[in-house]
Amino acid sequence: MFLSEKETSAKAPAEPSLEKAVERLEEIVSQLESGEADLEMSIELFQEGKKLGSGALRRLDKLERRVRLVVGSDGEELTTRDFDGEPDE
């Protein structure tokens, strides 16, 4: 039996918000740069940072795709443009 998307997402741990992920990444970088963590802890911190970074990039990609400007053309036809101002092709 397959789980529905809703059931699957309910069991998966929630990713931290983008702001929380960046905050934690800054903490990790600070800890690694301090040199106080032993090798094993440094590797664990690095792995956590890599996972957080990947999640943050995925989230940024999704947000970037959602950021669209609705532009009216003489009040008739509505078109969308990428946030950078380049028209969609």
PDB file of N, CA and C in Angstrom:
ATOM      1  N   MET A   1       0.844  -1.187   0.000  1.00  0.00           N
ATOM      2  CA  MET A   1       0.000   0.000   0.000  1.00  0.00           C
ATOM      3  C   MET A   1       0.886   1.245   0.000  1.00  0.00           C
ATOM      4  N   PHE A   2       0.566   2.194  -0.868  1.00  0.00           N
ATOM      5  CA  PHE A   2       1.342   3.420  -0.960  1.00  0.00           C
ATOM      6  C   PHE A   2       0.720   4.504  -0.104  1.00  0.00           C
ATOM      7  N   LEU A   3       1.572   5.309   0.488  1.00  0.00           N
ATOM      8  CA  LEU A   3       1.090   6.436   1.285  1.00  0.00           C
ATOM      9  C   LEU A   3       0.819   7.615   0.377  1.00  0.00           C
ATOM     10  N   SER A   4      -0.218   8.360   0.700  1.00  0.00           N
ATOM     11  CA  SER A   4      -0.493   9.574  -0.070  1.00  0.00           C
ATOM     12  C   SER A   4       0.591  10.601   0.242  1.00  0.00           C
ATOM     13  N   GLU A   5       0.689  11.612  -0.601  1.00  0.00           N
ATOM     14  CA  GLU A   5       1.684  12.671  -0.392  1.00  0.00           C
ATOM     15  C   GLU A   5       1.479  13.349   0.958  1.00  0.00           C
ATOM     16  N   LYS A   6       0.216  13.537   1.337  1.00  0.00           N
ATOM     17  CA  LYS A   6      -0.088  14.182   2.614  1.00  0.00           C
ATOM     18  C   LYS A   6       0.397  13.328   3.781  1.00  0.00           C
ATOM     19  N   GLU A   7       0.172  12.007   3.696  1.00  0.00           N
ATOM     20  CA  GLU A   7       0.607  11.097   4.754  1.00  0.00           C
ATOM     21  C   GLU A   7       2.127  11.033   4.833  1.00  0.00           C
ATOM     22  N   THR A   8       2.784  11.021   3.671  1.00  0.00           N
ATOM     23  CA  THR A   8       4.237  10.970   3.632  1.00  0.00           C
ATOM     24  C   THR A   8       4.840  12.233   4.228  1.00  0.00           C
ATOM     25  N   SER A   9       4.309  13.393   3.861  1.00  0.00           N
ATOM     26  CA  SER A   9       4.862  14.647   4.359  1.00  0.00           C
ATOM     27  C   SER A   9       4.612  14.822   5.846  1.00  0.00           C
ATOM     28  N   ALA A  10       3.538  14.214   6.352  1.00  0.00           N
ATOM     29  CA  ALA A  10       3.242  14.327   7.778  1.00  0.00           C
ATOM     30  C   ALA A  10       4.264  13.568   8.616  1.00  0.00           C
ATOM     31  N   LYS A  11       4.849  12.512   8.053  1.00  0.00           N
ATOM     32  CA  LYS A  11       5.814  11.702   8.787  1.00  0.00           C
ATOM     33  C   LYS A  11       7.250  12.207   8.621  1.00  0.00           C
ATOM     34  N   ALA A  12       7.509  12.965   7.582  1.00  0.00           N
ATOM     35  CA  ALA A  12       8.853  13.494   7.341  1.00  0.00           C
ATOM     36  C   ALA A  12       9.101  14.676   8.267  1.00  0.00           C
ATOM     37  N   PRO A  13      10.319  14.773   8.824  1.00  0.00           N
ATOM     38  CA  PRO A  13      10.601  15.927   9.683  1.00  0.00           C
ATOM     39  C   PRO A  13      10.579  17.212   8.862  1.00  0.00           C
ATOM     40  N   ALA A  14      10.027  18.242   9.448  1.00  0.00           N
ATOM     41  CA  ALA A  14       9.912  19.525   8.753  1.00  0.00           C
ATOM     42  C   ALA A  14      11.283  20.184   8.642  1.00  0.00           C
ATOM     43  N   GLU A  15      11.543  20.753   7.473  1.00  0.00           N
ATOM     44  CA  GLU A  15      12.783  21.500   7.296  1.00  0.00           C
ATOM     45  C   GLU A  15      12.648  22.820   8.034  1.00  0.00           C
ATOM     46  N   PRO A  16      13.755  23.322   8.571  1.00  0.00           N
ATOM     47  CA  PRO A  16      13.683  24.624   9.238  1.00  0.00           C
ATOM     48  C   PRO A  16      13.412  25.722   8.208  1.00  0.00           C
ATOM     49  N   SER A  17      12.899  26.832   8.687  1.00  0.00           N
ATOM     50  CA  SER A  17      12.689  27.959   7.778  1.00  0.00           C
ATOM     51  C   SER A  17      14.041  28.375   7.199  1.00  0.00           C
ATOM     52  N   LEU A  18      13.983  29.098   6.117  1.00  0.00           N
ATOM     53  CA  LEU A  18      15.214  29.559   5.471  1.00  0.00           C
ATOM     54  C   LEU A  18      16.055  30.382   6.442  1.00  0.00           C
ATOM     55  N   GLU A  19      15.391  31.228   7.202  1.00  0.00           N
ATOM     56  CA  GLU A  19      16.098  32.084   8.160  1.00  0.00           C
ATOM     57  C   GLU A  19      16.779  31.254   9.251  1.00  0.00           C
ATOM     58  N   LYS A  20      16.053  30.237   9.757  1.00  0.00           N
ATOM     59  CA  LYS A  20      16.627  29.365  10.792  1.00  0.00           C
ATOM     60  C   LYS A  20      17.795  28.554  10.235  1.00  0.00           C
ATOM     61  N   ALA A  21      17.668  28.100   8.987  1.00  0.00           N
ATOM     62  CA  ALA A  21      18.748  27.330   8.363  1.00  0.00           C
ATOM     63  C   ALA A  21      20.004  28.187   8.224  1.00  0.00           C
ATOM     64  N   VAL A  22      19.835  29.427   7.776  1.00  0.00           N
ATOM     65  CA  VAL A  22      20.982  30.321   7.616  1.00  0.00           C
ATOM     66  C   VAL A  22      21.612  30.632   8.972  1.00  0.00           C
ATOM     67  N   GLU A  23      20.769  30.844   9.974  1.00  0.00           N
ATOM     68  CA  GLU A  23      21.264  31.113  11.326  1.00  0.00           C
ATOM     69  C   GLU A  23      22.102  29.933  11.832  1.00  0.00           C
ATOM     70  N   ARG A  24      21.589  28.719  11.639  1.00  0.00           N
ATOM     71  CA  ARG A  24      22.317  27.521  12.090  1.00  0.00           C
ATOM     72  C   ARG A  24      23.597  27.346  11.282  1.00  0.00           C
ATOM     73  N   LEU A  25      23.557  27.619   9.986  1.00  0.00           N
ATOM     74  CA  LEU A  25      24.767  27.525   9.156  1.00  0.00           C
ATOM     75  C   LEU A  25      25.846  28.482   9.662  1.00  0.00           C
ATOM     76  N   GLU A  26      25.437  29.680  10.060  1.00  0.00           N
ATOM     77  CA  GLU A  26      26.398  30.646  10.607  1.00  0.00           C
ATOM     78  C   GLU A  26      27.019  30.123  11.900  1.00  0.00           C
ATOM     79  N   GLU A  27      26.196  29.475  12.736  1.00  0.00           N
ATOM     80  CA  GLU A  27      26.714  28.886  13.975  1.00  0.00           C
ATOM     81  C   GLU A  27      27.727  27.780  13.663  1.00  0.00           C
ATOM     82  N   ILE A  28      27.396  26.950  12.695  1.00  0.00           N
ATOM     83  CA  ILE A  28      28.280  25.847  12.316  1.00  0.00           C
ATOM     84  C   ILE A  28      29.609  26.380  11.799  1.00  0.00           C
ATOM     85  N   VAL A  29      29.553  27.371  10.932  1.00  0.00           N
ATOM     86  CA  VAL A  29      30.783  27.960  10.392  1.00  0.00           C
ATOM     87  C   VAL A  29      31.630  28.527  11.522  1.00  0.00           C
ATOM     88  N   SER A  30      30.992  29.208  12.448  1.00  0.00           N
ATOM     89  CA  SER A  30      31.707  29.785  13.581  1.00  0.00           C
ATOM     90  C   SER A  30      32.398  28.694  14.403  1.00  0.00           C
ATOM     91  N   GLN A  31      31.666  27.600  14.666  1.00  0.00           N
ATOM     92  CA  GLN A  31      32.249  26.504  15.434  1.00  0.00           C
ATOM     93  C   GLN A  31      33.423  25.866  14.696  1.00  0.00           C
ATOM     94  N   LEU A  32      33.270  25.671  13.410  1.00  0.00           N
ATOM     95  CA  LEU A  32      34.348  25.051  12.631  1.00  0.00           C
ATOM     96  C   LEU A  32      35.564  25.967  12.552  1.00  0.00           C
ATOM     97  N   GLU A  33      35.322  27.253  12.370  1.00  0.00           N
ATOM     98  CA  GLU A  33      36.439  28.204  12.281  1.00  0.00           C
ATOM     99  C   GLU A  33      37.164  28.377  13.604  1.00  0.00           C
ATOM    100  N   SER A  34      36.472  28.155  14.713  1.00  0.00           N
ATOM    101  CA  SER A  34      37.108  28.330  16.023  1.00  0.00           C
ATOM    102  C   SER A  34      38.182  27.277  16.270  1.00  0.00           C
ATOM    103  N   GLY A  35      38.047  26.125  15.621  1.00  0.00           N
ATOM    104  CA  GLY A  35      39.016  25.061  15.800  1.00  0.00           C
ATOM    105  C   GLY A  35      38.877  24.319  17.112  1.00  0.00           C
ATOM    106  N   GLU A  36      37.838  24.589  17.870  1.00  0.00           N
ATOM    107  CA  GLU A  36      37.648  23.962  19.178  1.00  0.00           C
ATOM    108  C   GLU A  36      37.035  22.564  19.085  1.00  0.00           C
ATOM    109  N   ALA A  37      36.342  22.258  17.987  1.00  0.00           N
ATOM    110  CA  ALA A  37      35.703  20.949  17.837  1.00  0.00           C
ATOM    111  C   ALA A  37      36.751  19.918  17.427  1.00  0.00           C
ATOM    112  N   ASP A  38      36.614  18.698  17.972  1.00  0.00           N
ATOM    113  CA  ASP A  38      37.528  17.636  17.561  1.00  0.00           C
ATOM    114  C   ASP A  38      37.151  17.174  16.159  1.00  0.00           C
ATOM    115  N   LEU A  39      37.924  16.253  15.607  1.00  0.00           N
ATOM    116  CA  LEU A  39      37.726  15.830  14.235  1.00  0.00           C
ATOM    117  C   LEU A  39      36.339  15.228  14.015  1.00  0.00           C
ATOM    118  N   GLU A  40      35.911  14.350  14.919  1.00  0.00           N
ATOM    119  CA  GLU A  40      34.605  13.712  14.764  1.00  0.00           C
ATOM    120  C   GLU A  40      33.478  14.743  14.792  1.00  0.00           C
ATOM    121  N   MET A  41      33.537  15.672  15.741  1.00  0.00           N
ATOM    122  CA  MET A  41      32.518  16.717  15.831  1.00  0.00           C
ATOM    123  C   MET A  41      32.564  17.617  14.598  1.00  0.00           C
ATOM    124  N   SER A  42      33.754  17.915  14.107  1.00  0.00           N
ATOM    125  CA  SER A  42      33.883  18.748  12.914  1.00  0.00           C
ATOM    126  C   SER A  42      33.217  18.091  11.713  1.00  0.00           C
ATOM    127  N   ILE A  43      33.392  16.773  11.588  1.00  0.00           N
ATOM    128  CA  ILE A  43      32.766  16.057  10.475  1.00  0.00           C
ATOM    129  C   ILE A  43      31.254  16.079  10.619  1.00  0.00           C
ATOM    130  N   GLU A  44      30.755  15.877  11.829  1.00  0.00           N
ATOM    131  CA  GLU A  44      29.308  15.929  12.057  1.00  0.00           C
ATOM    132  C   GLU A  44      28.750  17.317  11.750  1.00  0.00           C
ATOM    133  N   LEU A  45      29.461  18.344  12.177  1.00  0.00           N
ATOM    134  CA  LEU A  45      29.025  19.709  11.887  1.00  0.00           C
ATOM    135  C   LEU A  45      29.025  19.970  10.386  1.00  0.00           C
ATOM    136  N   PHE A  46      30.064  19.500   9.709  1.00  0.00           N
ATOM    137  CA  PHE A  46      30.161  19.679   8.262  1.00  0.00           C
ATOM    138  C   PHE A  46      28.984  18.993   7.569  1.00  0.00           C
ATOM    139  N   GLN A  47      28.659  17.759   7.986  1.00  0.00           N
ATOM    140  CA  GLN A  47      27.538  17.040   7.384  1.00  0.00           C
ATOM    141  C   GLN A  47      26.221  17.772   7.619  1.00  0.00           C
ATOM    142  N   GLU A  48      26.024  18.260   8.834  1.00  0.00           N
ATOM    143  CA  GLU A  48      24.809  19.016   9.140  1.00  0.00           C
ATOM    144  C   GLU A  48      24.728  20.266   8.271  1.00  0.00           C
ATOM    145  N   GLY A  49      25.861  20.958   8.147  1.00  0.00           N
ATOM    146  CA  GLY A  49      25.900  22.168   7.331  1.00  0.00           C
ATOM    147  C   GLY A  49      25.612  21.891   5.872  1.00  0.00           C
ATOM    148  N   LYS A  50      26.141  20.780   5.376  1.00  0.00           N
ATOM    149  CA  LYS A  50      25.905  20.430   3.979  1.00  0.00           C
ATOM    150  C   LYS A  50      24.425  20.145   3.746  1.00  0.00           C
ATOM    151  N   LYS A  51      23.795  19.424   4.675  1.00  0.00           N
ATOM    152  CA  LYS A  51      22.369  19.113   4.565  1.00  0.00           C
ATOM    153  C   LYS A  51      21.531  20.394   4.639  1.00  0.00           C
ATOM    154  N   LEU A  52      21.857  21.263   5.593  1.00  0.00           N
ATOM    155  CA  LEU A  52      21.135  22.534   5.719  1.00  0.00           C
ATOM    156  C   LEU A  52      21.300  23.388   4.467  1.00  0.00           C
ATOM    157  N   GLY A  53      22.522  23.433   3.950  1.00  0.00           N
ATOM    158  CA  GLY A  53      22.797  24.230   2.755  1.00  0.00           C
ATOM    159  C   GLY A  53      22.018  23.733   1.550  1.00  0.00           C
ATOM    160  N   SER A  54      21.973  22.421   1.374  1.00  0.00           N
ATOM    161  CA  SER A  54      21.221  21.850   0.255  1.00  0.00           C
ATOM    162  C   SER A  54      19.731  22.167   0.381  1.00  0.00           C
ATOM    163  N   GLY A  55      19.206  22.022   1.594  1.00  0.00           N
ATOM    164  CA  GLY A  55      17.795  22.344   1.820  1.00  0.00           C
ATOM    165  C   GLY A  55      17.502  23.805   1.569  1.00  0.00           C
ATOM    166  N   ALA A  56      18.408  24.666   2.011  1.00  0.00           N
ATOM    167  CA  ALA A  56      18.218  26.107   1.810  1.00  0.00           C
ATOM    168  C   ALA A  56      18.243  26.446   0.319  1.00  0.00           C
ATOM    169  N   LEU A  57      19.140  25.814  -0.435  1.00  0.00           N
ATOM    170  CA  LEU A  57      19.188  26.071  -1.877  1.00  0.00           C
ATOM    171  C   LEU A  57      17.919  25.601  -2.572  1.00  0.00           C
ATOM    172  N   ARG A  58      17.400  24.442  -2.168  1.00  0.00           N
ATOM    173  CA  ARG A  58      16.138  23.960  -2.744  1.00  0.00           C
ATOM    174  C   ARG A  58      15.010  24.947  -2.453  1.00  0.00           C
ATOM    175  N   ARG A  59      14.981  25.404  -1.222  1.00  0.00           N
ATOM    176  CA  ARG A  59      13.931  26.341  -0.821  1.00  0.00           C
ATOM    177  C   ARG A  59      14.071  27.661  -1.600  1.00  0.00           C
ATOM    178  N   LEU A  60      15.291  28.145  -1.772  1.00  0.00           N
ATOM    179  CA  LEU A  60      15.509  29.373  -2.546  1.00  0.00           C
ATOM    180  C   LEU A  60      15.077  29.200  -4.000  1.00  0.00           C
ATOM    181  N   ASP A  61      15.382  28.032  -4.575  1.00  0.00           N
ATOM    182  CA  ASP A  61      14.961  27.771  -5.952  1.00  0.00           C
ATOM    183  C   ASP A  61      13.447  27.824  -6.076  1.00  0.00           C
ATOM    184  N   LYS A  62      12.747  27.203  -5.106  1.00  0.00           N
ATOM    185  CA  LYS A  62      11.285  27.235  -5.135  1.00  0.00           C
ATOM    186  C   LYS A  62      10.768  28.658  -5.009  1.00  0.00           C
ATOM    187  N   LEU A  63      11.366  29.420  -4.096  1.00  0.00           N
ATOM    188  CA  LEU A  63      10.934  30.807  -3.911  1.00  0.00           C
ATOM    189  C   LEU A  63      11.198  31.632  -5.160  1.00  0.00           C
ATOM    190  N   GLU A  64      12.341  31.418  -5.783  1.00  0.00           N
ATOM    191  CA  GLU A  64      12.684  32.171  -6.989  1.00  0.00           C
ATOM    192  C   GLU A  64      11.672  31.900  -8.100  1.00  0.00           C
ATOM    193  N   ARG A  65      11.251  30.642  -8.223  1.00  0.00           N
ATOM    194  CA  ARG A  65      10.254  30.309  -9.254  1.00  0.00           C
ATOM    195  C   ARG A  65       8.907  30.951  -8.953  1.00  0.00           C
ATOM    196  N   ARG A  66       8.611  31.144  -7.675  1.00  0.00           N
ATOM    197  CA  ARG A  66       7.325  31.746  -7.296  1.00  0.00           C
ATOM    198  C   ARG A  66       7.303  33.249  -7.464  1.00  0.00           C
ATOM    199  N   VAL A  67       8.479  33.860  -7.453  1.00  0.00           N
ATOM    200  CA  VAL A  67       8.526  35.318  -7.549  1.00  0.00           C
ATOM    201  C   VAL A  67       8.304  35.718  -9.000  1.00  0.00           C
ATOM    202  N   ARG A  68       7.126  36.128  -9.270  1.00  0.00           N
ATOM    203  CA  ARG A  68       6.744  36.574 -10.611  1.00  0.00           C
ATOM    204  C   ARG A  68       6.103  37.948 -10.497  1.00  0.00           C
ATOM    205  N   LEU A  69       6.345  38.733 -11.478  1.00  0.00           N
ATOM    206  CA  LEU A  69       5.691  40.029 -11.543  1.00  0.00           C
ATOM    207  C   LEU A  69       4.553  39.938 -12.555  1.00  0.00           C
ATOM    208  N   VAL A  70       3.386  40.338 -12.161  1.00  0.00           N
ATOM    209  CA  VAL A  70       2.254  40.345 -13.075  1.00  0.00           C
ATOM    210  C   VAL A  70       2.242  41.706 -13.763  1.00  0.00           C
ATOM    211  N   VAL A  71       2.327  41.639 -15.070  1.00  0.00           N
ATOM    212  CA  VAL A  71       2.425  42.868 -15.848  1.00  0.00           C
ATOM    213  C   VAL A  71       1.218  42.965 -16.769  1.00  0.00           C
ATOM    214  N   GLY A  72       0.491  44.039 -16.652  1.00  0.00           N
ATOM    215  CA  GLY A  72      -0.659  44.251 -17.535  1.00  0.00           C
ATOM    216  C   GLY A  72      -0.194  44.885 -18.836  1.00  0.00           C
ATOM    217  N   SER A  73      -0.745  44.396 -19.917  1.00  0.00           N
ATOM    218  CA  SER A  73      -0.419  44.931 -21.226  1.00  0.00           C
ATOM    219  C   SER A  73      -1.651  45.670 -21.761  1.00  0.00           C
ATOM    220  N   ASP A  74      -1.663  46.973 -21.599  1.00  0.00           N
ATOM    221  CA  ASP A  74      -2.799  47.807 -22.020  1.00  0.00           C
ATOM    222  C   ASP A  74      -4.109  47.348 -21.377  1.00  0.00           C
ATOM    223  N   GLY A  75      -4.023  46.800 -20.189  1.00  0.00           N
ATOM    224  CA  GLY A  75      -5.224  46.372 -19.496  1.00  0.00           C
ATOM    225  C   GLY A  75      -5.897  45.150 -20.091  1.00  0.00           C
ATOM    226  N   GLU A  76      -5.334  44.564 -21.135  1.00  0.00           N
ATOM    227  CA  GLU A  76      -5.970  43.415 -21.797  1.00  0.00           C
ATOM    228  C   GLU A  76      -5.363  42.090 -21.331  1.00  0.00           C
ATOM    229  N   GLU A  77      -4.194  41.819 -21.765  1.00  0.00           N
ATOM    230  CA  GLU A  77      -3.584  40.523 -21.522  1.00  0.00           C
ATOM    231  C   GLU A  77      -2.577  40.614 -20.378  1.00  0.00           C
ATOM    232  N   LEU A  78      -2.632  39.656 -19.465  1.00  0.00           N
ATOM    233  CA  LEU A  78      -1.677  39.607 -18.374  1.00  0.00           C
ATOM    234  C   LEU A  78      -0.567  38.627 -18.725  1.00  0.00           C
ATOM    235  N   THR A  79       0.647  39.034 -18.497  1.00  0.00           N
ATOM    236  CA  THR A  79       1.790  38.157 -18.734  1.00  0.00           C
ATOM    237  C   THR A  79       2.626  38.129 -17.468  1.00  0.00           C
ATOM    238  N   THR A  80       3.526  37.173 -17.378  1.00  0.00           N
ATOM    239  CA  THR A  80       4.430  37.117 -16.226  1.00  0.00           C
ATOM    240  C   THR A  80       5.860  37.279 -16.710  1.00  0.00           C
ATOM    241  N   ARG A  81       6.676  37.792 -15.815  1.00  0.00           N
ATOM    242  CA  ARG A  81       8.101  37.938 -16.091  1.00  0.00           C
ATOM    243  C   ARG A  81       8.852  37.369 -14.907  1.00  0.00           C
ATOM    244  N   ASP A  82      10.046  36.855 -15.172  1.00  0.00           N
ATOM    245  CA  ASP A  82      10.911  36.452 -14.078  1.00  0.00           C
ATOM    246  C   ASP A  82      11.244  37.680 -13.267  1.00  0.00           C
ATOM    247  N   PHE A  83      11.589  37.470 -12.015  1.00  0.00           N
ATOM    248  CA  PHE A  83      11.918  38.566 -11.124  1.00  0.00           C
ATOM    249  C   PHE A  83      13.027  39.445 -11.673  1.00  0.00           C
ATOM    250  N   ASP A  84      13.983  38.861 -12.439  1.00  0.00           N
ATOM    251  CA  ASP A  84      15.098  39.627 -12.976  1.00  0.00           C
ATOM    252  C   ASP A  84      14.672  40.562 -14.108  1.00  0.00           C
ATOM    253  N   GLY A  85      13.400  40.494 -14.502  1.00  0.00           N
ATOM    254  CA  GLY A  85      12.890  41.412 -15.521  1.00  0.00           C
ATOM    255  C   GLY A  85      12.904  40.858 -16.922  1.00  0.00           C
ATOM    256  N   GLU A  86      13.497  39.691 -17.137  1.00  0.00           N
ATOM    257  CA  GLU A  86      13.533  39.094 -18.466  1.00  0.00           C
ATOM    258  C   GLU A  86      12.196  38.426 -18.743  1.00  0.00           C
ATOM    259  N   PRO A  87      11.604  38.660 -19.922  1.00  0.00           N
ATOM    260  CA  PRO A  87      10.314  38.023 -20.237  1.00  0.00           C
ATOM    261  C   PRO A  87      10.473  36.505 -20.322  1.00  0.00           C
ATOM    262  N   ASP A  88       9.403  35.764 -19.952  1.00  0.00           N
ATOM    263  CA  ASP A  88       9.395  34.303 -20.113  1.00  0.00           C
ATOM    264  C   ASP A  88       9.463  33.979 -21.599  1.00  0.00           C
ATOM    265  N   GLU A  89      10.078  32.859 -21.912  1.00  0.00           N
ATOM    266  CA  GLU A  89      10.133  32.445 -23.318  1.00  0.00           C
ATOM    267  C   GLU A  89       9.104  31.405 -23.599  1.00  0.00           C
TER     268      GLU A  89
END
